């Protein structure tokens, strides 16, 4: 009889324990501050100014495109931290002083980053049914920016060589 009671009570206790398990609360909606105003200052004739901008934005753009692609593979509920990181990278890029010859590149990069942050924020918050073609579009825009950065890197290398050959 004791075995029978034990066998009868065990599934009931297990069922009660499963019902008492805490449920994970959903992440709060993502609310972001407006991006900072782009910082345009400096002259590309100044090798250090161009070098600083290229070093900062080349790494930021590469990190951002990887983050976009990685985040697109996540479930909506798991995107919260990644969207915040995207916004932080965008903001850091916006604050990087941009010399005159890189203004168009900076504007394109910042535009792609803004679209990405807005798109992922809306999707993560449930305001958009899907990401659509946005991920591919954003990746293509940033790859275009990276190609333009390569042209500026060639200019920078030329400037360094020229400075080395001057007496």
Protein backbone atom coordinates (compact mmCIF):
# COMPACT_ATOMS: atom_id res chain seq x y z
CA UNK A 1 0.00 0.00 0.00
CA UNK A 2 2.86 2.42 0.78
CA UNK A 3 4.40 1.78 -2.62
CA UNK A 4 1.06 2.46 -4.26
CA UNK A 5 0.75 5.83 -2.41
CA UNK A 6 4.32 6.70 -3.31
CA UNK A 7 3.73 5.94 -6.98
CA UNK A 8 0.52 7.97 -6.92
CA UNK A 9 1.99 11.00 -5.11
CA UNK A 10 5.26 11.28 -7.05
CA UNK A 11 3.70 12.39 -10.40
CA UNK A 12 1.37 14.79 -8.57
CA UNK A 13 4.25 16.45 -6.73
CA UNK A 14 6.27 16.68 -9.93
CA UNK A 15 3.34 18.30 -11.73
CA UNK A 16 2.99 20.88 -8.95
CA UNK A 17 6.70 21.65 -9.06
CA UNK A 18 6.59 22.22 -12.82
CA UNK A 19 3.70 24.65 -12.47
CA UNK A 20 5.54 26.63 -9.81
CA UNK A 21 8.59 27.20 -12.01
CA UNK A 22 9.19 30.91 -12.55
CA UNK A 23 8.57 32.16 -16.06
CA UNK A 24 11.13 34.38 -17.71
CA UNK A 25 9.85 37.90 -18.07
CA UNK A 26 10.23 39.40 -21.50
CA UNK A 27 12.85 42.09 -21.98
CA UNK A 28 11.52 45.63 -21.78
CA UNK A 29 11.07 47.50 -25.05
CA UNK A 30 14.25 48.99 -26.39
CA UNK A 31 14.28 52.76 -26.02
CA UNK A 32 17.26 54.60 -27.45
CA UNK A 33 18.39 58.18 -27.37
CA UNK A 34 18.74 60.00 -30.66
CA UNK A 35 22.15 59.47 -32.25
CA UNK A 36 24.73 62.19 -31.68
CA UNK A 37 25.31 64.79 -34.35
CA UNK A 38 28.12 63.88 -36.73
CA UNK A 39 31.40 65.57 -35.96
CA UNK A 40 33.03 67.11 -39.02
CA UNK A 41 36.41 68.65 -38.33
CA UNK A 42 39.87 68.36 -39.68
CA UNK A 43 41.66 68.32 -42.96
CA UNK A 44 42.75 65.26 -44.90
CA UNK A 45 46.02 66.95 -45.72
CA UNK A 46 46.82 66.33 -42.07
CA UNK A 47 47.96 62.72 -42.10
CA UNK A 48 47.31 62.13 -38.37
CA UNK A 49 43.70 63.36 -38.66
CA UNK A 50 42.93 61.09 -41.61
CA UNK A 51 44.76 58.21 -39.94
CA UNK A 52 42.77 58.60 -36.71
CA UNK A 53 39.44 58.66 -38.55
CA UNK A 54 40.32 55.64 -40.68
CA UNK A 55 41.55 53.59 -37.76
CA UNK A 56 38.45 54.25 -35.72
CA UNK A 57 35.79 53.92 -38.39
CA UNK A 58 37.34 50.94 -40.19
CA UNK A 59 37.15 48.84 -37.04
CA UNK A 60 33.74 50.18 -36.04
CA UNK A 61 32.25 49.46 -39.49
CA UNK A 62 33.68 45.93 -39.56
CA UNK A 63 32.41 45.20 -36.04
CA UNK A 64 29.03 46.66 -36.89
CA UNK A 65 28.44 44.55 -39.99
CA UNK A 66 29.38 41.38 -38.08
CA UNK A 67 27.01 42.38 -35.29
CA UNK A 68 24.18 43.01 -37.78
CA UNK A 69 24.60 39.58 -39.33
CA UNK A 70 24.95 37.81 -35.97
CA UNK A 71 21.90 39.60 -34.56
CA UNK A 72 19.79 38.71 -37.60
CA UNK A 73 20.32 35.04 -36.72
CA UNK A 74 18.93 35.50 -33.19
CA UNK A 75 15.38 35.07 -32.01
CA UNK A 76 13.52 38.34 -31.48
CA UNK A 77 13.58 37.94 -27.69
CA UNK A 78 17.37 37.49 -27.69
CA UNK A 79 18.23 40.69 -29.61
CA UNK A 80 18.03 43.20 -26.78
CA UNK A 81 21.74 43.41 -25.89
CA UNK A 82 22.85 43.25 -29.52
CA UNK A 83 20.63 46.19 -30.50
CA UNK A 84 22.07 48.21 -27.61
CA UNK A 85 25.60 47.33 -28.83
CA UNK A 86 24.65 48.41 -32.38
CA UNK A 87 23.48 51.76 -31.04
CA UNK A 88 26.70 52.17 -29.04
CA UNK A 89 28.85 51.47 -32.11
CA UNK A 90 26.76 53.90 -34.17
CA UNK A 91 27.12 56.58 -31.52
CA UNK A 92 30.86 56.05 -31.24
CA UNK A 93 31.17 56.35 -35.02
CA UNK A 94 29.13 59.56 -35.03
CA UNK A 95 31.41 61.15 -32.46
CA UNK A 96 34.61 60.34 -34.36
CA UNK A 97 35.98 63.56 -35.84
CA UNK A 98 35.70 63.28 -39.61
CA UNK A 99 38.14 65.15 -41.86
CA UNK A 100 36.91 66.90 -45.00
CA UNK A 101 37.71 64.17 -47.57
CA UNK A 102 35.83 61.54 -45.56
CA UNK A 103 32.56 63.39 -44.97
CA UNK A 104 30.59 61.55 -47.68
CA UNK A 105 31.89 58.20 -46.42
CA UNK A 106 30.98 59.09 -42.84
CA UNK A 107 27.47 60.16 -43.86
CA UNK A 108 26.92 56.88 -45.76
CA UNK A 109 28.24 54.82 -42.86
CA UNK A 110 26.13 56.68 -40.34
CA UNK A 111 23.03 56.38 -42.53
CA UNK A 112 23.46 52.59 -42.80
CA UNK A 113 24.02 52.34 -39.06
CA UNK A 114 20.92 54.42 -38.32
CA UNK A 115 18.78 52.24 -40.59
CA UNK A 116 20.15 49.10 -38.93
CA UNK A 117 19.53 50.33 -35.39
CA UNK A 118 16.03 51.55 -36.25
CA UNK A 119 15.16 48.32 -38.09
CA UNK A 120 16.40 45.99 -35.37
CA UNK A 121 14.87 48.13 -32.62
CA UNK A 122 11.45 48.02 -34.32
CA UNK A 123 11.70 44.29 -34.92
CA UNK A 124 12.89 43.53 -31.39
CA UNK A 125 10.08 45.64 -29.92
CA UNK A 126 7.50 43.78 -32.02
CA UNK A 127 6.70 46.85 -34.12
CA UNK A 128 7.81 45.15 -37.33
CA UNK A 129 6.82 41.65 -38.44
CA UNK A 130 10.24 40.77 -39.87
CA UNK A 131 13.60 42.14 -40.89
CA UNK A 132 12.85 41.69 -44.58
CA UNK A 133 15.69 42.56 -46.90
CA UNK A 134 17.10 45.10 -44.44
CA UNK A 135 20.03 42.95 -43.32
CA UNK A 136 21.29 42.42 -46.88
CA UNK A 137 20.76 46.11 -47.72
CA UNK A 138 22.62 47.27 -44.62
CA UNK A 139 25.49 44.85 -45.23
CA UNK A 140 25.78 46.04 -48.84
CA UNK A 141 25.82 49.69 -47.79
CA UNK A 142 28.53 49.09 -45.21
CA UNK A 143 30.57 47.07 -47.69
CA UNK A 144 30.34 50.05 -50.07
CA UNK A 145 31.58 52.28 -47.24
CA UNK A 146 34.45 49.86 -46.56
CA UNK A 147 35.46 50.01 -50.23
CA UNK A 148 35.48 53.81 -50.03
CA UNK A 149 37.57 53.57 -46.88
CA UNK A 150 40.07 51.45 -48.81
CA UNK A 151 40.49 54.32 -51.27
CA UNK A 152 41.19 56.64 -48.35
CA UNK A 153 43.63 54.12 -46.90
CA UNK A 154 45.52 54.21 -50.21
CA UNK A 155 45.58 58.00 -49.96
CA UNK A 156 46.86 57.77 -46.38
CA UNK A 157 49.63 55.35 -47.37
CA UNK A 158 50.64 57.70 -50.17
CA UNK A 159 50.78 60.61 -47.72
CA UNK A 160 52.98 58.62 -45.33
CA UNK A 161 55.34 57.67 -48.16
CA UNK A 162 55.49 61.26 -49.31
CA UNK A 163 56.29 62.45 -45.77
CA UNK A 164 59.08 59.88 -45.48
CA UNK A 165 60.75 61.01 -48.70
CA UNK A 166 60.70 64.69 -47.78
CA UNK A 167 63.88 66.01 -46.20
